[in-house]
Amino acid sequence: MIPLRWVFYFFLYLLLMKKVIKLSEKKLQRIVRLVIEQDGNKIPQKLIFLYLDGLNWHTWDIGDGEFNVADGEYGEDVLKFRIQYSSTVPDHEFNVIYISDDLVTKISKLFSIPNLDSIKSIIEWFNKKYDKNLTMNDFEWMESNDSYDIENED
């Protein structure tokens, strides 16, 4: 007999890959919670990767190996990969991944995990998808585009 959790995983896989039906985030969150409860409150990394793989990403190159990843062709940037140069060590560069707060919050809420675990999962998925080797040490929060300039207040 097939274990019930495998049936849940298969169903969730189809949902995450958007092969069956489209669900609201709230309904998908309920199904994810059922799967988590069936598996002893553990989130398999693969489920988070499947969800991220199923989103409509649009990657655009900004040159010199740096790029942005947007949520859809005309969506907001949610990830940015940058190569930074040290101001104190000559000829030293390091990679940085900028992640939007919205993406971290979405993953945390959907999979009922802490923000730190969401960030780690996003970085691991990013490494796999874009052939990078980033860690939490390479993470920075993406600055919001809707910042308010007090000096220009009228």
Protein backbone atom coordinates (compact mmCIF):
# COMPACT_ATOMS: atom_id res chain seq x y z
CA MET A 1 0.00 0.00 0.00
CA ILE A 2 1.23 3.51 -0.85
CA PRO A 3 1.85 5.69 2.22
CA LEU A 4 -0.57 8.62 2.50
CA ARG A 5 2.27 11.15 2.63
CA TRP A 6 3.45 10.04 -0.82
CA VAL A 7 -0.02 10.77 -2.19
CA PHE A 8 0.12 14.23 -0.57
CA TYR A 9 3.59 14.83 -2.02
CA PHE A 10 2.50 13.81 -5.49
CA PHE A 11 -0.57 16.05 -5.35
CA LEU A 12 1.47 18.95 -3.99
CA TYR A 13 4.09 18.39 -6.69
CA LEU A 14 1.41 18.71 -9.37
CA LEU A 15 0.04 21.85 -7.73
CA LEU A 16 3.45 23.46 -7.38
CA MET A 17 4.30 22.70 -10.97
CA LYS A 18 0.88 24.15 -11.94
CA LYS A 19 -0.01 21.01 -13.87
CA VAL A 20 -3.42 20.43 -12.31
CA ILE A 21 -5.22 23.56 -11.20
CA LYS A 22 -4.35 27.06 -10.12
CA LEU A 23 -4.95 27.82 -6.47
CA SER A 24 -4.81 30.95 -4.40
CA GLU A 25 -1.80 31.33 -2.11
CA LYS A 26 -4.08 30.74 0.89
CA LYS A 27 -5.45 27.43 -0.43
CA LEU A 28 -1.98 26.28 -1.45
CA GLN A 29 -0.75 27.16 2.03
CA ARG A 30 -3.45 24.93 3.58
CA ILE A 31 -2.42 22.01 1.37
CA VAL A 32 1.25 22.55 2.24
CA ARG A 33 0.34 22.47 5.94
CA LEU A 34 -1.47 19.16 5.45
CA VAL A 35 1.60 17.70 3.77
CA ILE A 36 3.84 19.01 6.55
CA GLU A 37 1.60 17.48 9.21
CA GLN A 38 1.66 14.14 7.41
CA ASP A 39 5.45 14.18 7.32
CA GLY A 40 6.12 14.99 10.96
CA ASN A 41 6.29 18.78 10.50
CA LYS A 42 9.34 18.63 8.24
CA ILE A 43 9.55 20.58 5.00
CA PRO A 44 11.42 18.76 2.28
CA GLN A 45 13.74 21.17 0.48
CA LYS A 46 12.50 19.69 -2.76
CA LEU A 47 9.01 21.14 -2.23
CA ILE A 48 10.38 24.66 -1.88
CA PHE A 49 12.53 24.14 -4.98
CA LEU A 50 9.48 22.88 -6.91
CA TYR A 51 7.51 25.93 -5.90
CA LEU A 52 10.31 28.29 -6.93
CA ASP A 53 10.83 26.40 -10.21
CA GLY A 54 7.12 26.75 -10.97
CA LEU A 55 7.10 30.56 -10.73
CA ASN A 56 7.25 32.72 -13.85
CA TRP A 57 10.80 34.08 -13.59
CA HIS A 58 12.28 36.56 -16.01
CA THR A 59 16.06 36.89 -15.92
CA TRP A 60 17.78 39.84 -17.49
CA ASP A 61 21.47 40.47 -17.84
CA ILE A 62 22.91 43.80 -16.78
CA GLY A 63 26.43 43.00 -17.99
CA ASP A 64 29.73 41.79 -16.54
CA GLY A 65 28.15 38.56 -15.24
CA GLU A 66 25.60 40.39 -13.10
CA PHE A 67 21.87 39.86 -13.53
CA ASN A 68 18.43 40.43 -12.03
CA VAL A 69 15.57 37.97 -11.64
CA ALA A 70 12.06 39.41 -11.83
CA ASP A 71 8.69 37.96 -10.93
CA GLY A 72 7.36 37.67 -14.47
CA GLU A 73 8.36 39.50 -17.64
CA TYR A 74 7.15 42.88 -16.36
CA GLY A 75 7.32 42.11 -12.64
CA GLU A 76 9.42 43.53 -9.86
CA ASP A 77 12.97 42.32 -9.33
CA VAL A 78 13.07 39.83 -6.47
CA LEU A 79 16.66 38.62 -6.80
CA LYS A 80 19.85 40.33 -7.89
CA PHE A 81 23.29 38.82 -8.39
CA ARG A 82 26.16 41.26 -8.12
CA ILE A 83 29.94 41.12 -8.16
CA GLN A 84 31.35 43.54 -5.60
CA TYR A 85 34.90 44.79 -5.40
CA SER A 86 36.66 45.32 -2.10
CA SER A 87 37.54 48.86 -1.14
CA THR A 88 40.24 47.65 1.25
CA VAL A 89 41.83 44.68 -0.54
CA PRO A 90 43.18 45.38 -4.03
CA ASP A 91 41.96 43.09 -6.83
CA HIS A 92 39.55 41.28 -4.49
CA GLU A 93 35.98 40.63 -5.59
CA PHE A 94 33.11 38.78 -4.00
CA ASN A 95 29.61 37.74 -5.04
CA VAL A 96 26.43 39.05 -3.45
CA ILE A 97 22.84 37.87 -3.74
CA TYR A 98 20.18 40.46 -2.97
CA ILE A 99 16.80 38.98 -2.05
CA SER A 100 13.56 40.93 -1.72
CA ASP A 101 11.68 40.86 1.54
CA ASP A 102 8.48 40.00 -0.37
CA LEU A 103 9.95 36.74 -1.69
CA VAL A 104 11.26 35.70 1.73
CA THR A 105 7.91 36.50 3.34
CA LYS A 106 6.03 34.56 0.66
CA ILE A 107 8.15 31.42 1.16
CA SER A 108 8.00 31.74 4.97
CA LYS A 109 4.21 32.06 5.01
CA LEU A 110 3.54 29.40 2.41
CA PHE A 111 5.77 26.76 4.00
CA SER A 112 5.38 27.94 7.62
CA ILE A 113 9.11 28.27 8.16
CA PRO A 114 11.26 31.01 9.70
CA ASN A 115 12.69 33.74 7.47
CA LEU A 116 16.22 32.43 7.95
CA ASP A 117 15.22 29.01 6.58
CA SER A 118 13.46 30.70 3.67
CA ILE A 119 16.59 32.70 2.83
CA LYS A 120 18.75 29.57 2.98
CA SER A 121 16.32 27.72 0.69
CA ILE A 122 16.19 30.59 -1.80
CA ILE A 123 19.99 30.76 -1.91
CA GLU A 124 20.28 26.98 -2.40
CA TRP A 125 17.68 27.08 -5.18
CA PHE A 126 19.45 30.06 -6.78
CA ASN A 127 22.79 28.20 -6.67
CA LYS A 128 21.25 25.18 -8.36
CA LYS A 129 19.36 27.14 -11.01
CA TYR A 130 22.10 29.62 -11.92
CA ASP A 131 25.18 27.48 -11.20
CA LYS A 132 26.51 29.64 -8.35
CA ASN A 133 28.10 28.83 -5.02
CA LEU A 134 26.63 31.44 -2.66
CA THR A 135 26.12 31.12 1.08
CA MET A 136 24.35 33.08 3.79
CA ASN A 137 27.52 35.18 4.05
CA ASP A 138 26.82 36.43 0.50
CA PHE A 139 23.24 37.49 1.28
CA GLU A 140 21.98 41.07 1.51
CA TRP A 141 18.43 42.44 1.67
CA MET A 142 17.31 44.07 -1.54
CA GLU A 143 16.48 47.72 -1.07
CA SER A 144 12.90 48.64 -1.86
CA ASN A 145 12.14 50.71 -4.95
CA ASP A 146 9.48 52.64 -3.11
CA SER A 147 11.81 54.58 -0.84
CA TYR A 148 10.64 58.03 0.09
CA ASP A 149 12.98 60.99 -0.29
CA ILE A 150 12.35 63.38 2.59
CA GLU A 151 14.43 66.17 1.05
CA ASN A 152 12.10 66.35 -1.97
CA GLU A 153 9.00 66.69 0.18
CA ASP A 154 6.84 69.66 -0.78
